[in-house]
N, C-alpha and C. Protein backbone atom coordinates (compact mmCIF):
# COMPACT_ATOMS: atom_id res chain seq x y z
N MET A 1 0.63 -1.07 0.31
CA MET A 1 -0.20 -0.10 0.10
C MET A 1 0.85 1.16 -0.01
N PRO A 2 0.28 2.05 -0.85
CA PRO A 2 1.51 3.29 -0.46
C PRO A 2 1.50 4.47 0.16
N ASN A 3 2.38 5.23 0.62
CA ASN A 3 2.12 6.26 1.57
C ASN A 3 0.89 6.88 1.31
N PRO A 4 0.72 8.03 2.64
CA PRO A 4 -0.38 8.72 2.12
C PRO A 4 0.23 9.98 1.28
N LEU A 5 -0.48 10.72 0.91
CA LEU A 5 0.00 12.30 0.49
C LEU A 5 0.82 13.08 1.90
N SER A 6 1.48 13.63 1.85
CA SER A 6 2.49 14.72 2.63
C SER A 6 1.57 15.68 3.13
N THR A 7 1.73 16.36 4.42
CA THR A 7 0.72 17.75 4.47
C THR A 7 1.30 18.61 3.96
N ASP A 8 2.92 18.82 3.19
CA ASP A 8 2.84 20.01 2.68
C ASP A 8 2.25 19.51 0.92
N ILE A 9 1.97 18.35 0.38
CA ILE A 9 1.07 18.31 -0.57
C ILE A 9 -0.01 18.52 -1.14
N ARG A 10 -0.81 18.34 0.33
CA ARG A 10 -2.31 18.75 0.61
C ARG A 10 -2.88 20.12 1.11
N THR A 11 -1.68 20.50 1.28
CA THR A 11 -1.79 22.16 1.43
C THR A 11 -1.69 22.62 0.30
N ARG A 12 -0.63 22.62 0.23
CA ARG A 12 -0.18 23.00 -1.26
C ARG A 12 -1.56 22.99 -2.68
N PHE A 13 -2.09 21.27 -2.66
CA PHE A 13 -3.45 21.17 -3.38
C PHE A 13 -4.40 22.12 -2.86
N GLU A 14 -4.55 22.53 -1.45
CA GLU A 14 -6.08 23.39 -1.02
C GLU A 14 -5.46 24.97 -2.20
N ARG A 15 -3.99 25.46 -1.66
CA ARG A 15 -4.10 26.70 -2.27
C ARG A 15 -4.05 26.72 -3.99
N LEU A 16 -3.90 25.85 -4.24
CA LEU A 16 -4.08 26.01 -5.82
C LEU A 16 -5.96 24.93 -6.27
N PHE A 17 -6.26 24.60 -5.72
CA PHE A 17 -7.53 24.52 -6.06
C PHE A 17 -8.22 26.02 -5.08
N ALA A 18 -8.18 26.71 -4.91
CA ALA A 18 -8.58 28.29 -4.31
C ALA A 18 -8.31 29.09 -5.64
N GLU A 19 -7.08 28.32 -6.54
CA GLU A 19 -7.40 29.53 -7.85
C GLU A 19 -7.87 28.94 -8.98
N ASP A 20 -8.71 28.10 -8.80
CA ASP A 20 -9.73 27.65 -9.55
C ASP A 20 -9.08 26.92 -10.86
N LEU A 21 -7.82 25.96 -10.59
CA LEU A 21 -7.33 25.45 -10.78
C LEU A 21 -8.32 23.64 -11.08
N SER A 22 -8.32 23.00 -12.10
CA SER A 22 -8.78 22.21 -12.25
C SER A 22 -7.96 20.48 -11.15
N GLY A 23 -8.62 19.56 -10.52
CA GLY A 23 -8.38 18.68 -9.86
C GLY A 23 -7.21 18.20 -10.59
N ARG A 24 -7.31 17.85 -11.64
CA ARG A 24 -6.11 17.21 -12.87
C ARG A 24 -5.13 17.99 -13.57
N GLU A 25 -5.14 19.26 -12.90
CA GLU A 25 -4.32 20.38 -13.82
C GLU A 25 -3.18 20.42 -12.37
N ILE A 26 -3.92 20.61 -11.17
CA ILE A 26 -3.18 20.46 -10.00
C ILE A 26 -2.47 19.31 -9.90
N GLY A 27 -2.83 18.11 -9.92
CA GLY A 27 -2.22 16.60 -10.00
C GLY A 27 -0.78 16.51 -10.68
N ARG A 28 -1.49 17.48 -12.20
CA ARG A 28 -0.02 17.37 -13.00
C ARG A 28 1.16 18.02 -12.37
N ARG A 29 0.82 19.31 -12.04
CA ARG A 29 2.03 20.11 -11.28
C ARG A 29 2.41 19.91 -10.47
N LEU A 30 1.63 18.89 -9.12
CA LEU A 30 2.14 18.33 -7.59
C LEU A 30 2.60 17.42 -7.94
N MET A 31 2.80 16.17 -9.33
CA MET A 31 3.63 15.15 -9.81
C MET A 31 2.44 14.52 -9.26
N ILE A 32 1.39 13.87 -8.74
CA ILE A 32 0.27 13.18 -8.07
C ILE A 32 -0.63 12.37 -8.88
N SER A 33 -0.99 11.56 -9.31
CA SER A 33 -2.19 10.75 -9.81
C SER A 33 -3.00 11.50 -10.26
N ALA A 34 -3.65 11.41 -11.35
CA ALA A 34 -4.97 11.79 -11.83
C ALA A 34 -6.40 11.17 -10.75
N ALA A 35 -6.37 10.17 -10.38
CA ALA A 35 -7.35 9.65 -9.61
C ALA A 35 -7.39 10.22 -8.53
N SER A 36 -5.86 10.17 -7.77
CA SER A 36 -5.66 10.75 -6.74
C SER A 36 -6.35 12.90 -6.43
N ALA A 37 -5.54 13.21 -7.64
CA ALA A 37 -5.95 14.51 -7.29
C ALA A 37 -8.05 15.26 -7.89
N SER A 38 -8.40 14.03 -8.13
CA SER A 38 -9.60 13.65 -8.41
C SER A 38 -10.48 14.06 -7.02
N ARG A 39 -9.99 12.64 -6.55
CA ARG A 39 -10.48 12.80 -5.46
C ARG A 39 -10.40 13.81 -4.22
N LEU A 40 -9.67 13.81 -4.27
CA LEU A 40 -8.71 14.92 -3.63
C LEU A 40 -9.47 16.37 -4.14
N SER A 41 -9.66 16.90 -5.73
CA SER A 41 -10.50 17.76 -5.75
C SER A 41 -12.29 17.53 -5.33
N GLN A 42 -12.80 16.58 -5.39
CA GLN A 42 -13.90 16.38 -4.83
C GLN A 42 -14.12 16.43 -3.28
N LYS A 43 -13.40 16.41 -2.75
CA LYS A 43 -13.44 16.31 -1.32
C LYS A 43 -14.03 18.20 -0.81
N LEU A 44 -12.60 18.72 -1.84
CA LEU A 44 -13.07 20.01 -1.15
C LEU A 44 -14.15 20.39 -1.92
N ARG A 45 -14.50 20.48 -2.88
CA ARG A 45 -15.68 20.80 -4.00
C ARG A 45 -17.01 20.23 -2.71
N GLN A 46 -17.09 19.38 -2.02
CA GLN A 46 -17.79 19.12 -0.61
C GLN A 46 -17.82 19.38 0.26
N GLY A 47 -16.27 20.57 0.74
CA GLY A 47 -16.23 21.57 2.09
C GLY A 47 -15.28 20.60 2.89
N LEU A 48 -15.21 19.69 2.51
CA LEU A 48 -13.79 18.86 3.26
C LEU A 48 -12.70 19.27 3.10
N ARG A 49 -11.72 18.99 5.01
CA ARG A 49 -10.45 19.24 4.52
C ARG A 49 -10.23 18.22 4.42
N LEU A 50 -8.75 17.93 3.85
CA LEU A 50 -7.62 17.42 2.89
C LEU A 50 -7.08 16.39 4.05
N THR A 51 -7.28 16.28 5.41
CA THR A 51 -6.83 15.37 6.62
C THR A 51 -6.53 14.27 6.22
N PRO A 52 -5.56 13.79 6.32
CA PRO A 52 -5.58 12.15 6.51
C PRO A 52 -6.67 11.68 7.05
N ALA A 53 -6.85 9.93 6.54
CA ALA A 53 -7.79 9.16 7.46
C ALA A 53 -6.95 8.48 8.49
N LYS A 54 -7.69 7.87 9.43
CA LYS A 54 -7.16 7.64 11.28
C LYS A 54 -6.30 6.24 10.58
N ASN A 55 -5.37 5.77 10.83
CA ASN A 55 -4.62 5.02 10.44
C ASN A 55 -5.90 3.17 12.02
N LEU A 56 -6.73 2.81 11.42
CA LEU A 56 -7.46 1.94 12.26
C LEU A 56 -6.92 0.39 12.84
N ARG A 57 -5.41 0.20 12.16
CA ARG A 57 -5.30 -0.92 11.99
C ARG A 57 -4.65 -1.13 13.85
N ASN A 58 -4.81 -2.65 14.18
CA ASN A 58 -4.39 -2.85 15.06
C ASN A 58 -3.09 -2.39 15.88
N THR A 59 -2.87 -2.01 16.54
CA THR A 59 -1.28 -1.64 16.35
C THR A 59 -0.94 -2.22 18.08
N GLY A 60 -1.64 -3.41 18.17
CA GLY A 60 -1.21 -4.68 19.76
C GLY A 60 0.35 -4.72 19.92
N HIS A 61 0.35 -5.60 20.73
CA HIS A 61 1.57 -6.20 21.17
C HIS A 61 1.73 -8.33 20.68
N GLY A 62 0.72 -8.10 19.72
CA GLY A 62 0.38 -9.07 19.18
C GLY A 62 -0.31 -10.80 20.16
N ARG A 63 0.13 -12.00 19.61
CA ARG A 63 -0.57 -13.10 20.60
C ARG A 63 0.34 -13.73 21.63
N LEU A 64 1.53 -13.30 21.72
CA LEU A 64 2.84 -13.58 22.24
C LEU A 64 2.92 -12.93 23.61
N ALA A 65 2.03 -11.46 23.60
CA ALA A 65 2.42 -10.88 25.14
C ALA A 65 2.16 -11.15 26.05
N PRO A 66 0.92 -12.04 26.03
CA PRO A 66 0.98 -13.04 27.64
C PRO A 66 2.18 -13.61 28.06
N TYR A 67 2.84 -13.89 26.80
CA TYR A 67 4.26 -14.85 27.21
C TYR A 67 5.77 -14.41 27.31
N HIS A 68 5.68 -12.91 27.58
CA HIS A 68 6.79 -11.95 27.39
C HIS A 68 7.65 -12.29 28.65
N ASP A 69 7.07 -12.18 29.64
CA ASP A 69 7.85 -12.56 30.86
C ASP A 69 8.22 -13.83 30.83
N PHE A 70 7.73 -14.62 30.09
CA PHE A 70 8.22 -16.49 29.75
C PHE A 70 9.61 -16.21 29.43
N LEU A 71 9.24 -15.26 28.20
CA LEU A 71 9.87 -15.14 27.03
C LEU A 71 11.47 -15.02 27.87
N VAL A 72 11.23 -13.67 28.24
CA VAL A 72 12.94 -12.83 29.04
C VAL A 72 13.23 -13.66 30.06
N GLU A 73 12.59 -14.59 30.59
CA GLU A 73 12.74 -15.54 31.96
C GLU A 73 14.11 -16.11 31.36
N LEU A 74 13.30 -17.37 30.67
CA LEU A 74 14.22 -17.94 29.67
C LEU A 74 15.61 -17.51 28.99
N ILE A 75 15.13 -16.09 28.39
CA ILE A 75 16.96 -15.05 28.21
C ILE A 75 17.79 -15.31 29.41
N HIS A 76 16.75 -14.27 30.37
CA HIS A 76 18.29 -14.32 31.28
C HIS A 76 18.98 -15.95 31.90
N GLN A 77 18.24 -16.61 32.22
CA GLN A 77 18.54 -18.32 32.39
C GLN A 77 19.13 -18.55 31.59
N ASP A 78 19.20 -18.65 29.75
CA ASP A 78 20.71 -18.86 28.78
C ASP A 78 20.28 -17.77 28.04
N PRO A 79 21.49 -16.75 28.35
CA PRO A 79 21.73 -15.35 27.19
C PRO A 79 21.68 -15.68 25.75
N ASP A 80 22.64 -17.41 25.61
CA ASP A 80 22.72 -17.65 24.13
C ASP A 80 21.37 -18.84 23.45
N ILE A 81 20.32 -18.58 24.22
CA ILE A 81 19.71 -19.59 23.46
C ILE A 81 18.64 -19.12 21.74
N THR A 82 18.80 -19.63 21.24
CA THR A 82 18.67 -19.47 20.05
C THR A 82 16.56 -19.48 19.57
N LEU A 83 16.09 -18.44 18.77
CA LEU A 83 15.02 -18.16 18.57
C LEU A 83 14.03 -19.79 18.46
N LYS A 84 14.98 -20.81 17.63
CA LYS A 84 14.15 -22.11 17.85
C LYS A 84 14.38 -23.06 18.76
N GLU A 85 14.77 -22.77 19.88
CA GLU A 85 14.66 -23.31 20.94
C GLU A 85 13.74 -22.33 21.82
N LEU A 86 13.46 -20.71 21.72
CA LEU A 86 12.51 -20.63 22.36
C LEU A 86 11.42 -21.36 21.96
N GLN A 87 10.72 -21.47 20.53
CA GLN A 87 9.76 -21.56 19.73
C GLN A 87 9.22 -22.92 21.02
N GLY A 88 10.57 -23.33 20.49
CA GLY A 88 10.20 -25.73 21.76
C GLY A 88 9.94 -24.89 23.37
N ALA A 89 10.61 -23.86 24.00
CA ALA A 89 10.76 -23.86 24.98
C ALA A 89 8.75 -23.84 25.17
N LEU A 90 8.90 -22.77 25.33
CA LEU A 90 7.68 -22.21 24.39
C LEU A 90 6.16 -22.83 24.18
N ALA A 91 6.58 -24.14 23.65
CA ALA A 91 5.60 -24.94 23.17
C ALA A 91 5.61 -25.96 24.36
N ASP A 92 6.58 -26.46 24.71
CA ASP A 92 6.24 -27.34 25.47
C ASP A 92 5.55 -26.85 27.21
N ALA A 93 6.39 -25.71 27.42
CA ALA A 93 5.74 -25.20 28.60
C ALA A 93 4.24 -24.48 28.96
N GLN A 94 4.17 -23.67 27.79
CA GLN A 94 2.80 -22.88 27.67
C GLN A 94 1.31 -23.56 27.27
N GLY A 95 1.93 -24.65 26.07
CA GLY A 95 1.65 -24.57 25.05
C GLY A 95 0.79 -24.26 23.74
N VAL A 96 2.19 -23.34 23.85
CA VAL A 96 1.76 -22.16 22.29
C VAL A 96 2.12 -22.50 20.72
N THR A 97 2.28 -22.27 20.09
CA THR A 97 2.69 -22.29 19.41
C THR A 97 2.81 -20.80 18.43
N GLY A 98 4.53 -20.83 18.36
CA GLY A 98 4.43 -18.92 18.09
C GLY A 98 5.65 -19.18 17.09
N SER A 99 5.36 -18.48 15.52
CA SER A 99 6.40 -18.58 14.81
C SER A 99 8.34 -18.20 15.42
N VAL A 100 9.20 -18.51 14.13
CA VAL A 100 10.42 -18.29 14.62
C VAL A 100 10.15 -16.41 14.49
N SER A 101 9.69 -15.81 13.41
CA SER A 101 9.58 -14.65 13.71
C SER A 101 8.65 -13.56 13.88
N GLY A 102 7.39 -14.21 15.05
CA GLY A 102 6.67 -13.58 15.49
C GLY A 102 7.81 -13.66 16.94
N ILE A 103 8.24 -14.67 17.66
CA ILE A 103 8.97 -14.14 18.45
C ILE A 103 9.78 -13.57 18.27
N ASP A 104 10.58 -13.48 17.26
CA ASP A 104 11.58 -12.43 17.18
C ASP A 104 10.91 -10.80 17.06
N GLN A 105 9.73 -10.48 17.20
CA GLN A 105 8.86 -9.58 16.45
C GLN A 105 8.42 -9.26 18.66
N ALA A 106 8.46 -10.24 19.01
CA ALA A 106 8.09 -9.65 20.27
C ALA A 106 9.14 -9.43 21.37
N LEU A 107 10.59 -10.46 20.62
CA LEU A 107 11.18 -9.60 21.79
C LEU A 107 12.14 -8.15 21.00
N THR A 108 12.06 -8.56 19.87
CA THR A 108 11.99 -7.09 19.85
C THR A 108 11.75 -5.65 20.13
N ARG A 109 10.07 -5.95 20.28
CA ARG A 109 9.22 -5.22 20.70
C ARG A 109 9.61 -4.89 22.94
N LEU A 110 10.28 -5.76 22.68
CA LEU A 110 10.72 -5.51 24.39
C LEU A 110 12.06 -5.15 24.46
N GLY A 111 12.89 -4.70 23.74
CA GLY A 111 14.61 -4.54 23.62
C GLY A 111 15.14 -5.40 23.36
C-alpha cells in the first residue's frame, strides 16, 4: 500500500484549488496521480478538509504478549538461547505455538 500524501502536498493542493485550477491540472503540477487529484478536488468541492484518515489498524502487542515475561526469563537463564529453542520451550511449557519470526518480533518490541 502506498504512503499517504504529505501534509505539504495537501496544503499546496488546497491553495491551488482555491485559484480555480482543475484537479487534474493540480495533479500534474504536484506530480500526483490523476485519480488522487480527482478524489482530493471532490473532497474540497464537498467542503471537506484534506486531512489524512486515521489508521485504524490494530497496533497491539501480538499474540505472544501474555508470554513476554516467560520469554525474558528464558533469555536471562540462558543468554545464548536461539529463537528455535525459545519456540520449542514456549510450546512445551505453555502449549503455545509461535513462529520464529513472531518470537523475534515480540523480543524486538521488548528491546
